[in-house]
């Protein structure tokens, strides 16, 4: 097995400035889509979406083998959104890639809309129905094994939250992934330290996150999940590791890019007053990476 370690604090190579710039532009577009979606409803999981925007941008716009015109391509990489309420971020990046029409974004959370607040696999580009937390990694393990058995060799990316690490099924799946040496499986956990009932550490502490995944036989990295450069490099390193599943622990800031949302104490589910939406969009446009 490859050496299992955390890369936190290590020196990192530079990436082409034009690549980083283009991904920053796309991440801002994704955040704008998130705000436009939530503006239509007046509320939603905006904090999570803004915090995770860089992660999904790095995956869909750089790392994954994904063709927006070929959603049923058998060799496509799979992205499994275990935390279904983060659907606002997934829909936003799918709109950036042209899978979902931008004019449909305002229907987020509305009756009979394809853009439900908890992702459903009936929506184009969505691989699984998420929402009952703790089951996404189990599905990812099954798909990764299926990729190996079918000889297709696609990769599986599973997105979890730190609160979701409180679920026992997650750790059962972690053991299975290491046992079968699923090196075509990459998990990314969003550590924003917040869940529905309060701070994660106050409800049920999950730290030390990276050390736990190492102990379960995974290759672990810890990064700033709002740094495009760190994300791209971490995903590249994960791709090169053989004979073990890979975990990228991503520390993010909820509401990233909109200052007054970054500073909100209760940001798990956000209601924004009608007169605040233009302020949110203005703050986003003024924000720098």
C-alpha atoms as a PDB file:
ATOM      1  CA  UNK A   1       0.000   0.000   0.000  1.00  0.00           C
ATOM      2  CA  UNK A   2       1.175   3.537  -0.722  1.00  0.00           C
ATOM      3  CA  UNK A   3       2.244   5.538   2.298  1.00  0.00           C
ATOM      4  CA  UNK A   4      -0.707   7.102   4.059  1.00  0.00           C
ATOM      5  CA  UNK A   5      -0.109  10.640   5.224  1.00  0.00           C
ATOM      6  CA  UNK A   6      -1.529  14.124   5.465  1.00  0.00           C
ATOM      7  CA  UNK A   7      -0.134  16.812   3.192  1.00  0.00           C
ATOM      8  CA  UNK A   8      -1.176  19.657   5.465  1.00  0.00           C
ATOM      9  CA  UNK A   9       1.550  22.270   5.710  1.00  0.00           C
ATOM     10  CA  UNK A  10       3.743  20.788   2.982  1.00  0.00           C
ATOM     11  CA  UNK A  11       5.175  22.904   0.177  1.00  0.00           C
ATOM     12  CA  UNK A  12       3.170  22.691  -3.020  1.00  0.00           C
ATOM     13  CA  UNK A  13       4.191  23.151  -6.618  1.00  0.00           C
ATOM     14  CA  UNK A  14       2.835  25.994  -8.711  1.00  0.00           C
ATOM     15  CA  UNK A  15       0.159  25.549 -11.345  1.00  0.00           C
ATOM     16  CA  UNK A  16      -0.254  27.565 -14.569  1.00  0.00           C
ATOM     17  CA  UNK A  17      -1.774  30.945 -13.635  1.00  0.00           C
ATOM     18  CA  UNK A  18      -4.175  30.771 -16.575  1.00  0.00           C
ATOM     19  CA  UNK A  19      -5.577  27.463 -15.268  1.00  0.00           C
ATOM     20  CA  UNK A  20      -6.121  28.864 -11.773  1.00  0.00           C
ATOM     21  CA  UNK A  21      -7.663  32.029 -13.181  1.00  0.00           C
ATOM     22  CA  UNK A  22     -10.089  30.136 -15.407  1.00  0.00           C
ATOM     23  CA  UNK A  23     -11.192  27.930 -12.516  1.00  0.00           C
ATOM     24  CA  UNK A  24     -11.664  30.984 -10.273  1.00  0.00           C
ATOM     25  CA  UNK A  25     -13.902  32.523 -12.933  1.00  0.00           C
ATOM     26  CA  UNK A  26     -15.963  29.347 -13.147  1.00  0.00           C
ATOM     27  CA  UNK A  27     -16.184  29.069  -9.339  1.00  0.00           C
ATOM     28  CA  UNK A  28     -17.552  32.628  -9.185  1.00  0.00           C
ATOM     29  CA  UNK A  29     -20.082  31.704 -11.881  1.00  0.00           C
ATOM     30  CA  UNK A  30     -21.113  28.704  -9.782  1.00  0.00           C
ATOM     31  CA  UNK A  31     -21.562  30.930  -6.724  1.00  0.00           C
ATOM     32  CA  UNK A  32     -23.621  33.371  -8.756  1.00  0.00           C
ATOM     33  CA  UNK A  33     -25.841  30.495  -9.884  1.00  0.00           C
ATOM     34  CA  UNK A  34     -26.264  29.454  -6.248  1.00  0.00           C
ATOM     35  CA  UNK A  35     -27.433  32.926  -5.233  1.00  0.00           C
ATOM     36  CA  UNK A  36     -29.818  33.157  -8.171  1.00  0.00           C
ATOM     37  CA  UNK A  37     -31.311  29.776  -7.245  1.00  0.00           C
ATOM     38  CA  UNK A  38     -31.841  30.689  -3.620  1.00  0.00           C
ATOM     39  CA  UNK A  39     -33.120  34.160  -4.526  1.00  0.00           C
ATOM     40  CA  UNK A  40     -36.005  32.557  -6.402  1.00  0.00           C
ATOM     41  CA  UNK A  41     -37.049  30.660  -3.274  1.00  0.00           C
ATOM     42  CA  UNK A  42     -35.877  33.225  -0.745  1.00  0.00           C
ATOM     43  CA  UNK A  43     -34.044  30.556   1.224  1.00  0.00           C
ATOM     44  CA  UNK A  44     -32.044  27.363   0.939  1.00  0.00           C
ATOM     45  CA  UNK A  45     -28.762  25.669   1.736  1.00  0.00           C
ATOM     46  CA  UNK A  46     -26.834  28.676   0.494  1.00  0.00           C
ATOM     47  CA  UNK A  47     -24.041  28.519   3.062  1.00  0.00           C
ATOM     48  CA  UNK A  48     -23.067  24.960   2.134  1.00  0.00           C
ATOM     49  CA  UNK A  49     -23.311  25.684  -1.566  1.00  0.00           C
ATOM     50  CA  UNK A  50     -21.075  28.756  -1.455  1.00  0.00           C
ATOM     51  CA  UNK A  51     -18.579  26.923   0.756  1.00  0.00           C
ATOM     52  CA  UNK A  52     -18.385  23.874  -1.517  1.00  0.00           C
ATOM     53  CA  UNK A  53     -18.342  25.758  -4.843  1.00  0.00           C
ATOM     54  CA  UNK A  54     -14.566  25.540  -5.257  1.00  0.00           C
ATOM     55  CA  UNK A  55     -14.573  21.780  -4.653  1.00  0.00           C
ATOM     56  CA  UNK A  56     -17.202  21.047  -7.276  1.00  0.00           C
ATOM     57  CA  UNK A  57     -15.599  23.461  -9.729  1.00  0.00           C
ATOM     58  CA  UNK A  58     -12.205  21.762  -9.426  1.00  0.00           C
ATOM     59  CA  UNK A  59     -13.843  18.369  -9.917  1.00  0.00           C
ATOM     60  CA  UNK A  60     -16.217  19.054 -12.792  1.00  0.00           C
ATOM     61  CA  UNK A  61     -14.230  21.710 -14.648  1.00  0.00           C
ATOM     62  CA  UNK A  62     -10.781  20.134 -14.379  1.00  0.00           C
ATOM     63  CA  UNK A  63     -10.395  16.702 -12.792  1.00  0.00           C
ATOM     64  CA  UNK A  64     -13.297  14.471 -13.772  1.00  0.00           C
ATOM     65  CA  UNK A  65     -13.832  12.682 -17.053  1.00  0.00           C
ATOM     66  CA  UNK A  66     -17.246  14.187 -17.669  1.00  0.00           C
ATOM     67  CA  UNK A  67     -18.898  15.249 -20.926  1.00  0.00           C
ATOM     68  CA  UNK A  68     -21.980  17.483 -20.482  1.00  0.00           C
ATOM     69  CA  UNK A  69     -23.257  16.225 -23.852  1.00  0.00           C
ATOM     70  CA  UNK A  70     -22.920  12.534 -22.931  1.00  0.00           C
ATOM     71  CA  UNK A  71     -24.520  12.073 -19.526  1.00  0.00           C
ATOM     72  CA  UNK A  72     -24.911   8.309 -20.114  1.00  0.00           C
ATOM     73  CA  UNK A  73     -21.316   7.782 -21.280  1.00  0.00           C
ATOM     74  CA  UNK A  74     -20.394   4.447 -19.613  1.00  0.00           C
ATOM     75  CA  UNK A  75     -16.791   5.491 -18.928  1.00  0.00           C
ATOM     76  CA  UNK A  76     -17.641   8.823 -17.301  1.00  0.00           C
ATOM     77  CA  UNK A  77     -16.370   9.464 -13.803  1.00  0.00           C
ATOM     78  CA  UNK A  78     -19.157   9.373 -11.212  1.00  0.00           C
ATOM     79  CA  UNK A  79     -19.782  12.120  -8.662  1.00  0.00           C
ATOM     80  CA  UNK A  80     -21.957  10.962  -5.773  1.00  0.00           C
ATOM     81  CA  UNK A  81     -23.465  13.706  -3.633  1.00  0.00           C
ATOM     82  CA  UNK A  82     -24.041  11.875  -0.375  1.00  0.00           C
ATOM     83  CA  UNK A  83     -25.132  15.108   1.325  1.00  0.00           C
ATOM     84  CA  UNK A  84     -28.246  15.603  -0.770  1.00  0.00           C
ATOM     85  CA  UNK A  85     -29.013  19.043   0.673  1.00  0.00           C
ATOM     86  CA  UNK A  86     -25.866  20.336  -1.049  1.00  0.00           C
ATOM     87  CA  UNK A  87     -27.820  19.947  -4.291  1.00  0.00           C
ATOM     88  CA  UNK A  88     -27.747  23.717  -4.750  1.00  0.00           C
ATOM     89  CA  UNK A  89     -23.992  23.508  -5.448  1.00  0.00           C
ATOM     90  CA  UNK A  90     -24.331  20.518  -7.782  1.00  0.00           C
ATOM     91  CA  UNK A  91     -27.118  22.167  -9.787  1.00  0.00           C
ATOM     92  CA  UNK A  92     -25.057  25.353  -9.983  1.00  0.00           C
ATOM     93  CA  UNK A  93     -22.035  23.615 -11.514  1.00  0.00           C
ATOM     94  CA  UNK A  94     -24.248  21.591 -13.857  1.00  0.00           C
ATOM     95  CA  UNK A  95     -25.766  24.882 -15.026  1.00  0.00           C
ATOM     96  CA  UNK A  96     -22.280  26.308 -15.547  1.00  0.00           C
ATOM     97  CA  UNK A  97     -21.538  23.315 -17.807  1.00  0.00           C
ATOM     98  CA  UNK A  98     -24.832  23.627 -19.701  1.00  0.00           C
ATOM     99  CA  UNK A  99     -26.463  20.447 -18.376  1.00  0.00           C
ATOM    100  CA  UNK A 100     -29.220  22.450 -16.664  1.00  0.00           C
ATOM    101  CA  UNK A 101     -30.590  25.577 -18.404  1.00  0.00           C
ATOM    102  CA  UNK A 102     -29.783  28.734 -16.447  1.00  0.00           C
ATOM    103  CA  UNK A 103     -33.372  29.910 -16.775  1.00  0.00           C
ATOM    104  CA  UNK A 104     -34.435  26.847 -14.775  1.00  0.00           C
ATOM    105  CA  UNK A 105     -32.380  27.824 -11.727  1.00  0.00           C
ATOM    106  CA  UNK A 106     -35.108  30.073 -10.324  1.00  0.00           C
ATOM    107  CA  UNK A 107     -37.315  26.985  -9.878  1.00  0.00           C
ATOM    108  CA  UNK A 108     -35.017  25.597  -7.156  1.00  0.00           C
ATOM    109  CA  UNK A 109     -37.135  24.134  -4.367  1.00  0.00           C
ATOM    110  CA  UNK A 110     -40.444  24.902  -6.083  1.00  0.00           C
ATOM    111  CA  UNK A 111     -43.290  22.408  -6.431  1.00  0.00           C
ATOM    112  CA  UNK A 112     -42.802  20.031  -9.373  1.00  0.00           C
ATOM    113  CA  UNK A 113     -39.337  21.437 -10.089  1.00  0.00           C
ATOM    114  CA  UNK A 114     -36.508  19.150 -11.186  1.00  0.00           C
ATOM    115  CA  UNK A 115     -34.225  21.103  -8.861  1.00  0.00           C
ATOM    116  CA  UNK A 116     -35.209  19.771  -5.461  1.00  0.00           C
ATOM    117  CA  UNK A 117     -33.563  20.935  -2.258  1.00  0.00           C
ATOM    118  CA  UNK A 118     -32.316  17.391  -1.744  1.00  0.00           C
ATOM    119  CA  UNK A 119     -30.804  15.951  -4.911  1.00  0.00           C
ATOM    120  CA  UNK A 120     -32.732  13.278  -6.804  1.00  0.00           C
ATOM    121  CA  UNK A 121     -31.308  11.031  -9.516  1.00  0.00           C
ATOM    122  CA  UNK A 122     -34.168  11.954 -11.853  1.00  0.00           C
ATOM    123  CA  UNK A 123     -32.439  15.324 -12.395  1.00  0.00           C
ATOM    124  CA  UNK A 124     -30.038  15.302 -15.374  1.00  0.00           C
ATOM    125  CA  UNK A 125     -26.445  14.863 -14.244  1.00  0.00           C
ATOM    126  CA  UNK A 126     -27.311  13.588 -10.749  1.00  0.00           C
ATOM    127  CA  UNK A 127     -26.029  10.050 -10.118  1.00  0.00           C
ATOM    128  CA  UNK A 128     -27.799   9.134  -6.854  1.00  0.00           C
ATOM    129  CA  UNK A 129     -30.649  10.250  -4.651  1.00  0.00           C
ATOM    130  CA  UNK A 130     -29.026  11.669  -1.539  1.00  0.00           C
ATOM    131  CA  UNK A 131     -30.391  13.135   1.637  1.00  0.00           C
ATOM    132  CA  UNK A 132     -30.538  10.315   4.148  1.00  0.00           C
ATOM    133  CA  UNK A 133     -27.007  10.929   5.312  1.00  0.00           C
ATOM    134  CA  UNK A 134     -24.522   8.117   5.727  1.00  0.00           C
ATOM    135  CA  UNK A 135     -25.323   6.052   2.637  1.00  0.00           C
ATOM    136  CA  UNK A 136     -23.376   7.815  -0.120  1.00  0.00           C
ATOM    137  CA  UNK A 137     -20.023   6.206   0.614  1.00  0.00           C
ATOM    138  CA  UNK A 138     -21.592   2.740   0.619  1.00  0.00           C
ATOM    139  CA  UNK A 139     -22.982   3.423  -2.851  1.00  0.00           C
ATOM    140  CA  UNK A 140     -19.603   4.776  -3.945  1.00  0.00           C
ATOM    141  CA  UNK A 141     -17.876   1.585  -2.790  1.00  0.00           C
ATOM    142  CA  UNK A 142     -20.362  -0.490  -4.775  1.00  0.00           C
ATOM    143  CA  UNK A 143     -19.841   1.613  -7.912  1.00  0.00           C
ATOM    144  CA  UNK A 144     -16.048   1.475  -7.548  1.00  0.00           C
ATOM    145  CA  UNK A 145     -16.184  -2.320  -7.298  1.00  0.00           C
ATOM    146  CA  UNK A 146     -18.552  -2.365 -10.269  1.00  0.00           C
ATOM    147  CA  UNK A 147     -16.084  -0.274 -12.272  1.00  0.00           C
ATOM    148  CA  UNK A 148     -13.352  -2.813 -11.574  1.00  0.00           C
ATOM    149  CA  UNK A 149     -15.501  -5.843 -12.369  1.00  0.00           C
ATOM    150  CA  UNK A 150     -16.810  -4.342 -15.611  1.00  0.00           C
ATOM    151  CA  UNK A 151     -13.345  -3.353 -16.791  1.00  0.00           C
ATOM    152  CA  UNK A 152     -14.555   0.191 -17.473  1.00  0.00           C
ATOM    153  CA  UNK A 153     -12.072   1.784 -15.095  1.00  0.00           C
ATOM    154  CA  UNK A 154     -14.109   4.904 -14.351  1.00  0.00           C
ATOM    155  CA  UNK A 155     -13.388   6.773 -11.146  1.00  0.00           C
ATOM    156  CA  UNK A 156     -15.869   7.453  -8.365  1.00  0.00           C
ATOM    157  CA  UNK A 157     -15.858  10.689  -6.358  1.00  0.00           C
ATOM    158  CA  UNK A 158     -17.919  10.779  -3.178  1.00  0.00           C
ATOM    159  CA  UNK A 159     -18.760  14.036  -1.399  1.00  0.00           C
ATOM    160  CA  UNK A 160     -19.491  13.840   2.349  1.00  0.00           C
ATOM    161  CA  UNK A 161     -19.880  16.330   5.176  1.00  0.00           C
ATOM    162  CA  UNK A 162     -18.188  16.350   8.566  1.00  0.00           C
ATOM    163  CA  UNK A 163     -21.544  15.887  10.309  1.00  0.00           C
ATOM    164  CA  UNK A 164     -22.118  12.831   8.149  1.00  0.00           C
ATOM    165  CA  UNK A 165     -19.045  11.215   9.709  1.00  0.00           C
ATOM    166  CA  UNK A 166     -21.221  10.637  12.778  1.00  0.00           C
ATOM    167  CA  UNK A 167     -23.065   7.924  10.820  1.00  0.00           C
ATOM    168  CA  UNK A 168     -21.884   4.356  11.418  1.00  0.00           C
ATOM    169  CA  UNK A 169     -22.548   3.155   7.869  1.00  0.00           C
ATOM    170  CA  UNK A 170     -19.902   5.602   6.650  1.00  0.00           C
ATOM    171  CA  UNK A 171     -17.215   3.764   8.584  1.00  0.00           C
ATOM    172  CA  UNK A 172     -18.432   0.337   7.495  1.00  0.00           C
ATOM    173  CA  UNK A 173     -18.035   1.518   3.905  1.00  0.00           C
ATOM    174  CA  UNK A 174     -14.594   2.944   4.741  1.00  0.00           C
ATOM    175  CA  UNK A 175     -13.432  -0.472   5.955  1.00  0.00           C
ATOM    176  CA  UNK A 176     -14.739  -2.187   2.832  1.00  0.00           C
ATOM    177  CA  UNK A 177     -13.068   0.328   0.512  1.00  0.00           C
ATOM    178  CA  UNK A 178      -9.686  -0.228   2.144  1.00  0.00           C
ATOM    179  CA  UNK A 179     -10.139  -4.009   2.187  1.00  0.00           C
ATOM    180  CA  UNK A 180     -10.774  -4.078  -1.561  1.00  0.00           C
ATOM    181  CA  UNK A 181      -7.997  -1.533  -2.236  1.00  0.00           C
ATOM    182  CA  UNK A 182     -10.316   0.670  -4.266  1.00  0.00           C
ATOM    183  CA  UNK A 183      -7.828   3.116  -5.735  1.00  0.00           C
ATOM    184  CA  UNK A 184     -10.490   4.316  -8.188  1.00  0.00           C
ATOM    185  CA  UNK A 185     -12.411   5.826  -5.244  1.00  0.00           C
ATOM    186  CA  UNK A 186     -11.792   9.354  -3.976  1.00  0.00           C
ATOM    187  CA  UNK A 187     -13.841  10.788  -1.112  1.00  0.00           C
ATOM    188  CA  UNK A 188     -13.942  14.462  -0.219  1.00  0.00           C
ATOM    189  CA  UNK A 189     -15.294  15.522   3.156  1.00  0.00           C
ATOM    190  CA  UNK A 190     -16.453  19.102   3.656  1.00  0.00           C
ATOM    191  CA  UNK A 191     -15.317  20.181   7.105  1.00  0.00           C
ATOM    192  CA  UNK A 192     -17.257  23.384   7.766  1.00  0.00           C
ATOM    193  CA  UNK A 193     -17.793  22.469  11.443  1.00  0.00           C
ATOM    194  CA  UNK A 194     -21.552  23.060  11.280  1.00  0.00           C
ATOM    195  CA  UNK A 195     -24.621  20.798  11.210  1.00  0.00           C
ATOM    196  CA  UNK A 196     -28.342  21.347  11.640  1.00  0.00           C
ATOM    197  CA  UNK A 197     -28.299  21.313  15.438  1.00  0.00           C
ATOM    198  CA  UNK A 198     -25.200  23.441  15.933  1.00  0.00           C
ATOM    199  CA  UNK A 199     -21.442  23.024  15.862  1.00  0.00           C
ATOM    200  CA  UNK A 200     -20.285  19.537  14.907  1.00  0.00           C
ATOM    201  CA  UNK A 201     -17.894  19.389  17.867  1.00  0.00           C
ATOM    202  CA  UNK A 202     -20.743  20.167  20.279  1.00  0.00           C
ATOM    203  CA  UNK A 203     -23.080  17.504  18.881  1.00  0.00           C
ATOM    204  CA  UNK A 204     -20.601  14.645  18.373  1.00  0.00           C
ATOM    205  CA  UNK A 205     -16.958  15.378  17.742  1.00  0.00           C
ATOM    206  CA  UNK A 206     -15.455  13.759  14.641  1.00  0.00           C
ATOM    207  CA  UNK A 207     -11.879  14.957  14.979  1.00  0.00           C
ATOM    208  CA  UNK A 208      -9.156  14.021  14.224  1.00  0.00           C
ATOM    209  CA  UNK A 209     -10.705  13.472  10.783  1.00  0.00           C
ATOM    210  CA  UNK A 210      -7.613  12.755   8.675  1.00  0.00           C
ATOM    211  CA  UNK A 211      -6.069  10.464  11.293  1.00  0.00           C
ATOM    212  CA  UNK A 212      -9.244   8.373  11.453  1.00  0.00           C
ATOM    213  CA  UNK A 213      -9.239   7.808   7.700  1.00  0.00           C
ATOM    214  CA  UNK A 214      -5.555   6.878   7.816  1.00  0.00           C
ATOM    215  CA  UNK A 215      -6.334   4.356  10.554  1.00  0.00           C
ATOM    216  CA  UNK A 216      -8.999   2.832   8.292  1.00  0.00           C
ATOM    217  CA  UNK A 217      -6.409   2.278   5.552  1.00  0.00           C
ATOM    218  CA  UNK A 218      -7.049   5.317   3.364  1.00  0.00           C
ATOM    219  CA  UNK A 219      -4.533   7.718   1.859  1.00  0.00           C
ATOM    220  CA  UNK A 220      -5.411  11.049   3.505  1.00  0.00           C
ATOM    221  CA  UNK A 221      -4.711  14.676   2.666  1.00  0.00           C
ATOM    222  CA  UNK A 222      -5.863  17.789   4.516  1.00  0.00           C
ATOM    223  CA  UNK A 223      -6.297  20.992   2.514  1.00  0.00           C
ATOM    224  CA  UNK A 224      -8.020  24.345   2.331  1.00  0.00           C
ATOM    225  CA  UNK A 225     -11.181  23.452   0.434  1.00  0.00           C
ATOM    226  CA  UNK A 226     -11.585  27.052  -0.733  1.00  0.00           C
ATOM    227  CA  UNK A 227      -8.184  27.074  -2.450  1.00  0.00           C
ATOM    228  CA  UNK A 228      -8.423  26.129  -6.120  1.00  0.00           C
ATOM    229  CA  UNK A 229      -4.698  25.457  -6.284  1.00  0.00           C
ATOM    230  CA  UNK A 230      -4.728  23.120  -3.279  1.00  0.00           C
ATOM    231  CA  UNK A 231      -7.758  21.291  -4.648  1.00  0.00           C
ATOM    232  CA  UNK A 232      -6.238  20.738  -8.090  1.00  0.00           C
ATOM    233  CA  UNK A 233      -2.951  19.513  -6.625  1.00  0.00           C
ATOM    234  CA  UNK A 234      -4.643  17.256  -4.076  1.00  0.00           C
ATOM    235  CA  UNK A 235      -6.829  15.658  -6.750  1.00  0.00           C
ATOM    236  CA  UNK A 236      -3.788  15.119  -8.964  1.00  0.00           C
ATOM    237  CA  UNK A 237      -1.905  13.478  -6.108  1.00  0.00           C
ATOM    238  CA  UNK A 238      -4.895  11.300  -5.258  1.00  0.00           C
ATOM    239  CA  UNK A 239      -5.054  10.128  -8.870  1.00  0.00           C
ATOM    240  CA  UNK A 240      -1.445   8.920  -8.663  1.00  0.00           C
ATOM    241  CA  UNK A 241      -1.859   6.855  -5.475  1.00  0.00           C
ATOM    242  CA  UNK A 242      -2.346   3.128  -6.071  1.00  0.00           C
ATOM    243  CA  UNK A 243      -3.785   0.255  -4.026  1.00  0.00           C
ATOM    244  CA  UNK A 244      -5.825   2.282  -1.540  1.00  0.00           C
ATOM    245  CA  UNK A 245      -8.862   4.576  -1.540  1.00  0.00           C
ATOM    246  CA  UNK A 246      -8.151   8.268  -1.127  1.00  0.00           C
ATOM    247  CA  UNK A 247      -9.624  10.868   1.228  1.00  0.00           C
ATOM    248  CA  UNK A 248      -9.278  14.639   0.833  1.00  0.00           C
ATOM    249  CA  UNK A 249     -10.287  16.519   3.981  1.00  0.00           C
ATOM    250  CA  UNK A 250     -11.469  19.951   2.801  1.00  0.00           C
ATOM    251  CA  UNK A 251     -11.766  22.760   5.348  1.00  0.00           C
ATOM    252  CA  UNK A 252     -14.260  25.286   3.982  1.00  0.00           C
ATOM    253  CA  UNK A 253     -16.004  28.474   5.049  1.00  0.00           C
ATOM    254  CA  UNK A 254     -19.790  28.460   4.825  1.00  0.00           C
ATOM    255  CA  UNK A 255     -21.096  31.366   2.780  1.00  0.00           C
ATOM    256  CA  UNK A 256     -17.710  31.837   1.074  1.00  0.00           C
ATOM    257  CA  UNK A 257     -17.673  34.874  -1.206  1.00  0.00           C
ATOM    258  CA  UNK A 258     -20.519  36.777   0.461  1.00  0.00           C
ATOM    259  CA  UNK A 259     -19.247  38.532   3.565  1.00  0.00           C
ATOM    260  CA  UNK A 260     -22.500  38.889   5.519  1.00  0.00           C
ATOM    261  CA  UNK A 261     -23.265  35.200   4.950  1.00  0.00           C
ATOM    262  CA  UNK A 262     -19.746  34.176   5.987  1.00  0.00           C
ATOM    263  CA  UNK A 263     -20.380  35.951   9.307  1.00  0.00           C
ATOM    264  CA  UNK A 264     -23.778  34.414  10.071  1.00  0.00           C
ATOM    265  CA  UNK A 265     -23.826  32.271  13.197  1.00  0.00           C
ATOM    266  CA  UNK A 266     -26.664  30.013  12.031  1.00  0.00           C
ATOM    267  CA  UNK A 267     -25.849  29.169   8.425  1.00  0.00           C
ATOM    268  CA  UNK A 268     -27.071  25.585   7.956  1.00  0.00           C
ATOM    269  CA  UNK A 269     -30.292  26.708   6.280  1.00  0.00           C
ATOM    270  CA  UNK A 270     -30.385  30.366   5.307  1.00  0.00           C
ATOM    271  CA  UNK A 271     -33.329  32.679   4.844  1.00  0.00           C
ATOM    272  CA  UNK A 272     -32.343  35.963   3.263  1.00  0.00           C
ATOM    273  CA  UNK A 273     -34.586  39.029   3.346  1.00  0.00           C
ATOM    274  CA  UNK A 274     -35.721  40.266  -0.100  1.00  0.00           C
ATOM    275  CA  UNK A 275     -33.633  43.427   0.126  1.00  0.00           C
ATOM    276  CA  UNK A 276     -30.478  41.422   0.922  1.00  0.00           C
ATOM    277  CA  UNK A 277     -30.191  39.459  -2.322  1.00  0.00           C
ATOM    278  CA  UNK A 278     -28.791  42.323  -4.378  1.00  0.00           C
ATOM    279  CA  UNK A 279     -26.313  43.004  -1.584  1.00  0.00           C
ATOM    280  CA  UNK A 280     -25.263  39.335  -1.672  1.00  0.00           C
ATOM    281  CA  UNK A 281     -24.740  39.447  -5.434  1.00  0.00           C
ATOM    282  CA  UNK A 282     -22.797  42.715  -5.152  1.00  0.00           C
ATOM    283  CA  UNK A 283     -20.537  41.298  -2.452  1.00  0.00           C
ATOM    284  CA  UNK A 284     -19.895  38.225  -4.581  1.00  0.00           C
ATOM    285  CA  UNK A 285     -18.933  40.325  -7.609  1.00  0.00           C
ATOM    286  CA  UNK A 286     -16.567  42.362  -5.437  1.00  0.00           C
ATOM    287  CA  UNK A 287     -14.949  39.340  -3.784  1.00  0.00           C
ATOM    288  CA  UNK A 288     -11.431  38.178  -4.654  1.00  0.00           C
ATOM    289  CA  UNK A 289     -10.104  34.594  -4.570  1.00  0.00           C
END
